[in-house]
Protein backbone atom coordinates (compact mmCIF):
# COMPACT_ATOMS: atom_id res chain seq x y z
CA MET A 1 -60.00 48.51 172.53
CA LYS A 2 -57.54 49.65 170.10
CA GLU A 3 -54.34 47.29 169.11
CA SER A 4 -51.82 49.33 170.38
CA LYS A 5 -53.28 49.42 173.69
CA PHE A 6 -53.55 45.79 173.98
CA GLN A 7 -49.84 45.36 172.13
CA GLN A 8 -48.44 47.72 175.73
CA GLN A 9 -50.55 45.22 177.71
CA VAL A 10 -49.91 41.73 176.13
CA ILE A 11 -45.73 43.18 175.81
CA GLN A 12 -45.65 44.11 179.59
CA PHE A 13 -47.13 40.71 180.73
CA LEU A 14 -43.96 39.54 178.92
CA LYS A 15 -42.02 41.85 180.29
CA ASP A 16 -43.54 41.20 183.45
CA ASN A 17 -43.22 37.42 183.26
CA LYS A 18 -39.76 37.27 182.50
CA VAL A 19 -40.33 36.01 179.04
CA TRP A 20 -37.89 37.06 175.54
CA TYR A 21 -40.05 38.62 172.65
CA VAL A 22 -39.09 40.86 169.75
CA LYS A 23 -41.93 43.39 168.52
CA TYR A 24 -41.61 43.26 164.81
CA TRP A 25 -42.74 46.30 163.05
CA ALA A 26 -42.82 45.20 159.09
CA GLY A 27 -43.06 48.36 156.50
CA SER A 28 -40.62 49.53 155.74
CA LYS A 29 -38.00 48.87 152.32
CA PHE A 30 -35.74 46.01 155.37
CA THR A 31 -38.56 45.06 156.45
CA SER A 32 -40.87 41.33 155.21
CA GLU A 33 -44.36 41.46 155.30
CA GLY A 34 -46.64 39.29 156.73
CA VAL A 35 -43.89 38.37 159.39
CA PRO A 36 -46.30 37.69 163.19
CA ASP A 37 -46.26 40.77 165.30
CA LEU A 38 -44.20 39.45 168.55
CA LEU A 39 -41.04 36.39 168.14
CA VAL A 40 -41.43 34.87 171.46
CA CYS A 41 -40.14 32.70 173.69
CA ILE A 42 -42.11 30.44 176.46
CA ASP A 43 -40.86 27.57 177.72
CA GLY A 44 -38.31 26.96 174.95
CA THR A 45 -41.57 26.59 172.13
CA PHE A 46 -40.87 29.63 170.00
CA HIS A 47 -44.71 31.16 169.25
CA GLY A 48 -45.18 33.85 166.23
CA ILE A 49 -47.98 36.16 167.78
CA GLU A 50 -50.32 38.15 165.39
CA LEU A 51 -51.80 40.45 167.30
CA LYS A 52 -55.17 41.50 166.50
CA ASN A 53 -58.08 43.63 168.53
CA ASP A 54 -61.51 42.37 168.77
CA ASP A 55 -62.89 43.60 165.34
CA TYR A 56 -60.19 42.96 162.67
CA TYR A 57 -59.12 40.30 160.63
CA GLU A 58 -56.03 38.81 159.80
CA SER A 59 -54.49 38.74 156.21
CA LYS A 60 -53.85 36.15 153.95
CA LEU A 61 -50.04 36.04 153.68
CA GLN A 62 -50.31 36.72 158.27
CA ALA A 63 -52.23 33.26 157.95
CA TYR A 64 -49.82 31.45 155.66
CA ASN A 65 -46.82 32.66 158.06
CA MET A 66 -48.53 31.21 160.88
CA GLY A 67 -49.31 27.56 159.33
CA LEU A 68 -45.78 27.66 158.54
CA ILE A 69 -45.02 28.60 161.83
CA ASN A 70 -47.33 25.76 163.10
CA GLY A 71 -46.35 23.26 160.72
CA ASN A 72 -42.63 22.82 161.83
CA ASP A 73 -43.59 22.38 165.53
CA GLY A 74 -43.98 26.10 166.32
CA GLU A 75 -46.97 27.90 167.23
CA GLY A 76 -48.44 30.42 165.24
CA TYR A 77 -51.92 31.63 166.08
CA ILE A 78 -54.23 35.53 166.73
CA LEU A 79 -54.21 36.55 170.48
CA ARG A 80 -56.52 38.84 170.93
CA PRO A 81 -58.50 41.39 173.43
CA THR A 82 -61.94 38.60 174.08
CA LYS A 83 -63.57 37.39 171.13
CA VAL A 84 -62.47 34.76 169.72
CA LYS A 85 -63.68 35.13 165.34
CA LYS A 86 -64.03 32.33 163.12
CA ASN A 87 -60.19 32.01 160.69
CA LYS A 88 -60.38 34.03 157.20
CA TYR A 89 -58.31 31.95 156.14
CA PRO A 90 -59.64 28.01 157.01
CA GLU A 91 -57.24 26.82 154.70
CA PHE A 92 -53.52 27.53 156.70
CA ASN A 93 -52.52 26.01 159.79
CA TYR A 94 -53.24 28.73 162.63
CA TYR A 95 -55.16 29.14 165.84
CA GLN A 96 -56.63 31.16 167.75
CA LEU A 97 -56.84 32.97 171.22
CA THR A 98 -58.52 36.03 173.66
CA PHE A 99 -55.62 37.84 175.97
CA GLU A 100 -57.13 35.22 179.37
CA GLU A 101 -57.31 31.69 177.40
CA TRP A 102 -53.24 32.35 176.08
CA LYS A 103 -52.50 33.49 179.55
CA ALA A 104 -53.89 30.01 181.30
CA ARG A 105 -52.46 27.83 178.30
CA TRP A 106 -48.70 29.58 178.96
CA PHE A 107 -48.76 30.99 181.90
CA ARG A 108 -50.00 28.22 185.14
């Protein structure tokens, strides 16, 4: 599944569940790199969600930023359609979930 299609599914799920979110676009001169794709508030908890398809890895800067979020009592993680990979940068404190695991964990 392409990441763009997966992103649409996740955003639609957030909309359907009336969850506040911001889709972050990096890459312009006005935005920072390494910021998670989705900045979300679920039941009062900040989530920095990096979306990846099942084949791609996170960058070191993305892993670092997710670790910072987790170190500050937020939730920083990678969300994938169906498969969880081993963290590419285990020195940073972050985790991965499949879409179904994510829904079960945060939307009971």
